[in-house]
Amino acid sequence: MKKLFFLLLLSNLAFSQPDVEIRLVNAGVGTPSCGYFMNDWLCNITNDSGLNTIFSNYGVTFFREKGGHPYPAYVGRILSIPGTFPAQFITDLQAYSSVVADAGVSDMGWFRDSSNIELVDANVGIPIGTSGNIIVTNDSGLNQLFQTYNVFYYALTYPSAGTAFLKYYSLVCNCNASELQLALNNYSTVIANAYGQPAVYLSNEVIQKPQSTVSPNPFSNYLNIETDQLITHYAIIDFTGKTIVSTASKNELDFKIEQLNTGLYILNLQFESGQTFNHKLIKK
């Protein structure tokens, strides 16, 4: 199942749209600088003048931080600019190497360098070390793929979720993740499934965010939701990004979650204020 982060954020699940994904050299340089209470959809200003010039040259009207990357060193360093832009835009971004570490076209809702896998056997394909910064596992075939696609990060997706989830790993590569996923899915003796790493979009607005807690987690048939604001809508989203429950009724939510299969989900709560809160859930 895909790794879905518990964050205080405004999510965007429009997975079919393209975006330009930018990874910054440093988390503090090139980040949003829109001021207090600015409409985040109108934010096109960073705290770096050179990056602002490139954005202006190509008519960038807004951007967001792309959150939820599995590699800790990349957290806070990835931006998303929705839309289609000339190839020269990517070239200019990559040339601005003092601020931009990497840039390329991705799909909104997914990271261009990250994947998740489910192993056939939890004991085959586990990491045992590195070689030249490339991950080494206890399976030679998987090692060859990791060498080919420069996989440098590989860790359990849910290390605290129990033994049933020891087959799930998140990985990051210096590669096109969709090409890696295709190769992994073709290695079916070891890989049961390979799929993308979902992203969530952080709001640029500096406002008081709603607080909520959800328990128990893992859950079986019922969720207790405590919050300081009125919830106007509930949604359950599966690992493919598909909304499988959508309701304004907590009673209907409770009825439908009883029918969910075992696995990982995201609970999306929408509040009267217009804000959104996401929780990672595990169904036992």
Protein backbone atom coordinates (compact mmCIF):
# COMPACT_ATOMS: atom_id res chain seq x y z
CA MET A 1 0.00 0.00 0.00
CA LYS A 2 1.17 3.48 -0.65
CA LYS A 3 2.57 5.62 2.10
CA LEU A 4 0.09 8.37 2.98
CA PHE A 5 1.31 10.88 5.55
CA PHE A 6 -0.49 12.34 8.54
CA LEU A 7 0.03 16.08 7.93
CA LEU A 8 -1.63 19.37 8.77
CA LEU A 9 -2.22 20.35 5.16
CA LEU A 10 -4.52 21.10 2.30
CA SER A 11 -4.47 18.12 -0.04
CA ASN A 12 -4.89 17.99 -3.78
CA LEU A 13 -5.77 14.63 -5.34
CA ALA A 14 -5.97 15.72 -8.98
CA PHE A 15 -3.61 12.95 -10.08
CA SER A 16 -4.19 13.16 -13.82
CA GLN A 17 -2.80 16.68 -14.28
CA PRO A 18 0.84 17.42 -15.10
CA ASP A 19 3.09 19.55 -12.95
CA VAL A 20 6.69 20.71 -12.89
CA GLU A 21 8.41 19.25 -9.86
CA ILE A 22 11.34 21.20 -8.44
CA ARG A 23 13.73 19.94 -5.78
CA LEU A 24 15.59 22.73 -4.01
CA VAL A 25 19.21 22.58 -2.90
CA ASN A 26 18.23 23.87 0.55
CA ALA A 27 14.83 23.84 2.23
CA GLY A 28 15.16 27.49 3.26
CA VAL A 29 15.97 28.95 -0.17
CA GLY A 30 13.32 29.10 -2.91
CA THR A 31 10.39 28.35 -0.62
CA PRO A 32 7.03 30.20 -0.71
CA SER A 33 7.04 33.78 0.51
CA CYS A 34 3.46 34.97 0.21
CA GLY A 35 2.87 36.62 3.55
CA TYR A 36 0.10 36.11 6.03
CA PHE A 37 -3.39 35.11 4.94
CA MET A 38 -2.43 35.17 1.25
CA ASN A 39 -4.57 33.00 -1.00
CA ASP A 40 -2.24 30.04 -1.63
CA TRP A 41 -3.61 29.51 -5.16
CA LEU A 42 -2.26 32.97 -6.05
CA CYS A 43 1.17 32.47 -4.52
CA ASN A 44 3.94 32.79 -7.12
CA ILE A 45 6.61 34.40 -4.97
CA THR A 46 9.57 32.61 -3.37
CA ASN A 47 12.19 33.99 -1.03
CA ASP A 48 14.78 33.85 -3.85
CA SER A 49 14.88 36.61 -6.46
CA GLY A 50 16.54 34.48 -9.14
CA LEU A 51 13.88 31.79 -8.93
CA ASN A 52 11.20 34.49 -8.97
CA THR A 53 12.65 35.81 -12.23
CA ILE A 54 12.48 32.38 -13.87
CA PHE A 55 8.90 31.94 -12.68
CA SER A 56 7.97 35.36 -14.05
CA ASN A 57 9.60 34.65 -17.42
CA TYR A 58 7.35 31.62 -17.92
CA GLY A 59 4.14 33.05 -16.50
CA VAL A 60 3.98 30.94 -13.34
CA THR A 61 0.84 32.07 -11.55
CA PHE A 62 1.08 29.85 -8.49
CA PHE A 63 3.00 26.98 -6.92
CA ARG A 64 2.88 24.87 -3.78
CA GLU A 65 5.16 22.85 -1.61
CA LYS A 66 4.84 19.16 -2.55
CA GLY A 67 4.78 17.30 0.74
CA GLY A 68 5.01 13.69 1.84
CA HIS A 69 8.28 12.63 0.21
CA PRO A 70 9.59 9.43 1.83
CA TYR A 71 13.27 10.48 1.82
CA PRO A 72 13.82 12.57 4.97
CA ALA A 73 16.51 14.74 3.37
CA TYR A 74 14.06 15.92 0.69
CA VAL A 75 11.29 17.01 3.05
CA GLY A 76 10.56 20.72 2.65
CA ARG A 77 12.61 20.96 -0.53
CA ILE A 78 10.12 20.02 -3.25
CA LEU A 79 7.82 22.42 -5.09
CA SER A 80 5.01 21.75 -7.55
CA ILE A 81 3.94 24.09 -10.37
CA PRO A 82 0.73 22.75 -11.94
CA GLY A 83 0.37 22.97 -15.70
CA THR A 84 2.27 22.40 -18.92
CA PHE A 85 5.31 24.54 -19.69
CA PRO A 86 7.93 24.75 -22.48
CA ALA A 87 10.90 22.41 -22.23
CA GLN A 88 13.14 25.47 -21.86
CA PHE A 89 11.50 26.17 -18.51
CA ILE A 90 12.94 22.90 -17.17
CA THR A 91 16.31 23.72 -18.74
CA ASP A 92 16.41 27.15 -17.12
CA LEU A 93 15.47 25.71 -13.74
CA GLN A 94 18.16 23.03 -13.94
CA ALA A 95 20.72 25.65 -14.96
CA TYR A 96 19.98 27.61 -11.78
CA SER A 97 21.92 25.00 -9.84
CA SER A 98 22.77 27.17 -6.84
CA VAL A 99 19.10 26.96 -5.79
CA VAL A 100 17.55 24.15 -7.87
CA ALA A 101 18.95 20.64 -7.37
CA ASP A 102 16.64 19.03 -9.93
CA ALA A 103 13.53 19.77 -11.99
CA GLY A 104 11.32 17.77 -14.31
CA VAL A 105 7.80 17.00 -15.43
CA SER A 106 5.70 14.85 -13.11
CA ASP A 107 2.04 14.09 -12.44
CA MET A 108 0.20 16.04 -9.79
CA GLY A 109 -0.26 13.87 -6.75
CA TRP A 110 2.84 11.72 -7.40
CA PHE A 111 6.60 12.12 -6.98
CA ARG A 112 8.75 11.65 -10.06
CA ASP A 113 11.58 9.84 -8.23
CA SER A 114 9.76 7.70 -5.66
CA SER A 115 7.98 4.37 -5.65
CA ASN A 116 6.48 1.85 -3.27
CA ILE A 117 6.65 -1.91 -3.52
CA GLU A 118 5.04 -4.93 -1.98
CA LEU A 119 7.31 -7.96 -1.75
CA VAL A 120 6.06 -11.45 -2.51
CA ASP A 121 7.94 -12.74 0.54
CA ALA A 122 8.83 -10.44 3.43
CA ASN A 123 12.17 -12.27 3.76
CA VAL A 124 13.28 -11.80 0.13
CA GLY A 125 14.29 -8.36 -1.08
CA ILE A 126 15.14 -6.85 2.29
CA PRO A 127 17.98 -4.28 2.50
CA ILE A 128 21.34 -5.45 3.84
CA GLY A 129 23.58 -2.47 3.04
CA THR A 130 24.82 -0.15 0.31
CA SER A 131 27.42 -0.23 -2.45
CA GLY A 132 28.51 3.09 -3.89
CA ASN A 133 25.40 4.71 -2.36
CA ILE A 134 23.15 2.18 -4.12
CA ILE A 135 20.96 -0.04 -1.94
CA VAL A 136 21.92 -3.70 -1.69
CA THR A 137 19.31 -6.32 -0.77
CA ASN A 138 19.47 -10.08 -0.17
CA ASP A 139 18.18 -10.72 -3.71
CA SER A 140 20.56 -10.46 -6.67
CA GLY A 141 17.87 -9.74 -9.25
CA LEU A 142 16.53 -6.83 -7.25
CA ASN A 143 20.07 -5.58 -6.73
CA GLN A 144 20.55 -5.44 -10.50
CA LEU A 145 17.42 -3.34 -10.90
CA PHE A 146 18.50 -1.04 -8.09
CA GLN A 147 21.87 -0.55 -9.79
CA THR A 148 20.26 0.15 -13.16
CA TYR A 149 17.86 2.74 -11.74
CA ASN A 150 20.16 4.18 -9.04
CA VAL A 151 18.02 3.39 -6.02
CA PHE A 152 19.66 5.10 -3.04
CA TYR A 153 16.88 4.96 -0.45
CA TYR A 154 14.89 1.88 0.55
CA ALA A 155 13.02 1.57 3.84
CA LEU A 156 9.96 -0.05 5.36
CA THR A 157 6.88 2.01 4.56
CA TYR A 158 5.14 1.15 7.84
CA PRO A 159 7.84 0.07 10.29
CA SER A 160 5.49 0.26 13.30
CA ALA A 161 2.35 -1.24 11.76
CA GLY A 162 3.06 -4.88 12.64
CA THR A 163 4.34 -7.98 10.88
CA ALA A 164 1.54 -7.97 8.28
CA PHE A 165 3.10 -4.84 6.74
CA LEU A 166 6.75 -5.96 6.58
CA LYS A 167 6.35 -6.59 2.83
CA TYR A 168 5.91 -2.89 2.06
CA TYR A 169 8.86 -0.64 1.21
CA SER A 170 9.31 2.91 -0.05
CA LEU A 171 12.23 3.68 -2.33
CA VAL A 172 13.78 6.71 -4.00
CA CYS A 173 15.95 6.72 -7.11
CA ASN A 174 17.88 9.01 -9.38
CA CYS A 175 15.60 7.94 -12.20
CA ASN A 176 12.16 8.15 -13.74
CA ALA A 177 10.02 6.39 -11.14
CA SER A 178 7.42 5.20 -13.66
CA GLU A 179 10.12 3.35 -15.62
CA LEU A 180 11.40 1.77 -12.42
CA GLN A 181 7.89 0.68 -11.46
CA LEU A 182 7.46 -1.05 -14.82
CA ALA A 183 10.73 -2.93 -14.36
CA LEU A 184 9.85 -3.91 -10.80
CA ASN A 185 6.40 -5.16 -11.79
CA ASN A 186 8.05 -7.35 -14.44
CA TYR A 187 10.15 -8.95 -11.68
CA SER A 188 7.14 -10.81 -10.36
CA THR A 189 9.01 -13.57 -8.54
CA VAL A 190 10.08 -11.05 -5.89
CA ILE A 191 7.82 -8.02 -6.40
CA ALA A 192 4.09 -8.49 -5.89
CA ASN A 193 3.28 -4.90 -6.81
CA ALA A 194 5.07 -1.63 -7.53
CA TYR A 195 3.31 1.71 -7.61
CA GLY A 196 3.92 5.43 -7.26
CA GLN A 197 4.51 7.51 -4.16
CA PRO A 198 1.59 9.89 -3.56
CA ALA A 199 2.20 13.51 -2.67
CA VAL A 200 0.11 15.92 -0.68
CA TYR A 201 0.05 19.65 -1.18
CA LEU A 202 0.86 22.01 1.64
CA SER A 203 -1.05 25.24 1.90
CA ASN A 204 0.98 28.45 1.68
CA GLU A 205 -1.53 30.19 3.90
CA VAL A 206 -0.45 30.97 7.44
CA ILE A 207 -3.70 30.42 9.31
CA GLN A 208 -4.88 28.46 12.30
CA LYS A 209 -5.40 24.88 11.20
CA PRO A 210 -8.03 22.58 12.66
CA GLN A 211 -6.93 19.99 15.19
CA SER A 212 -8.34 16.49 15.06
CA THR A 213 -7.53 13.04 16.41
CA VAL A 214 -8.73 9.72 15.07
CA SER A 215 -8.76 6.48 17.06
CA PRO A 216 -8.29 3.60 17.18
CA ASN A 217 -5.64 3.21 14.51
CA PRO A 218 -5.33 0.44 13.34
CA PHE A 219 -9.11 0.14 13.38
CA SER A 220 -11.64 -2.58 12.64
CA ASN A 221 -15.18 -1.29 12.33
CA TYR A 222 -15.41 2.13 13.94
CA LEU A 223 -13.52 5.44 14.08
CA ASN A 224 -13.75 7.94 16.90
CA ILE A 225 -13.02 11.44 15.55
CA GLU A 226 -12.37 14.30 17.95
CA THR A 227 -11.97 17.80 16.54
CA ASP A 228 -12.25 21.46 17.50
CA GLN A 229 -14.18 22.43 14.33
CA LEU A 230 -17.34 21.29 12.58
CA ILE A 231 -16.71 18.56 9.98
CA THR A 232 -18.74 19.06 6.80
CA HIS A 233 -17.48 16.12 4.73
CA TYR A 234 -15.71 12.77 5.16
CA ALA A 235 -13.80 10.87 2.47
CA ILE A 236 -11.84 7.62 2.44
CA ILE A 237 -9.21 7.31 -0.29
CA ASP A 238 -7.46 4.06 -1.19
CA PHE A 239 -3.85 3.47 -2.29
CA THR A 240 -4.66 4.16 -5.96
CA GLY A 241 -5.96 7.62 -5.14
CA LYS A 242 -9.57 6.55 -5.68
CA THR A 243 -12.20 7.99 -3.36
CA ILE A 244 -14.19 5.00 -2.14
CA VAL A 245 -16.26 6.73 0.55
CA SER A 246 -17.64 10.25 0.22
CA THR A 247 -20.27 11.46 2.66
CA ALA A 248 -21.39 14.28 4.92
CA SER A 249 -22.71 11.78 7.48
CA LYS A 250 -20.57 10.26 10.23
CA ASN A 251 -23.10 7.42 10.54
CA GLU A 252 -22.72 6.60 6.85
CA LEU A 253 -18.94 6.75 7.21
CA ASP A 254 -19.06 4.24 10.08
CA PHE A 255 -21.33 1.93 8.08
CA LYS A 256 -19.08 1.97 5.01
CA ILE A 257 -15.75 1.54 6.77
CA GLU A 258 -16.99 -1.77 8.15
CA GLN A 259 -16.96 -3.02 4.55
CA LEU A 260 -13.39 -1.92 3.78
CA ASN A 261 -10.77 -4.55 3.03
CA THR A 262 -7.67 -4.83 5.21
CA GLY A 263 -5.09 -2.27 4.13
CA LEU A 264 -3.93 1.34 4.18
CA TYR A 265 -6.20 4.33 3.55
CA ILE A 266 -6.34 8.06 4.00
CA LEU A 267 -9.21 9.74 5.83
CA ASN A 268 -9.86 13.21 4.41
CA LEU A 269 -11.81 15.56 6.68
CA GLN A 270 -13.25 18.81 5.36
CA PHE A 271 -14.20 21.50 7.86
CA GLU A 272 -16.71 24.32 7.93
CA SER A 273 -13.79 26.76 7.63
CA GLY A 274 -12.92 25.28 4.22
CA GLN A 275 -9.74 23.63 5.48
CA THR A 276 -8.79 19.99 5.04
CA PHE A 277 -7.10 17.51 7.37
CA ASN A 278 -5.70 14.09 6.38
CA HIS A 279 -5.11 11.02 8.53
CA LYS A 280 -3.32 7.82 7.56
CA LEU A 281 -5.44 4.82 8.55
CA ILE A 282 -4.76 1.11 8.83
CA LYS A 283 -7.76 -1.26 8.53
CA LYS A 284 -7.11 -4.52 10.37
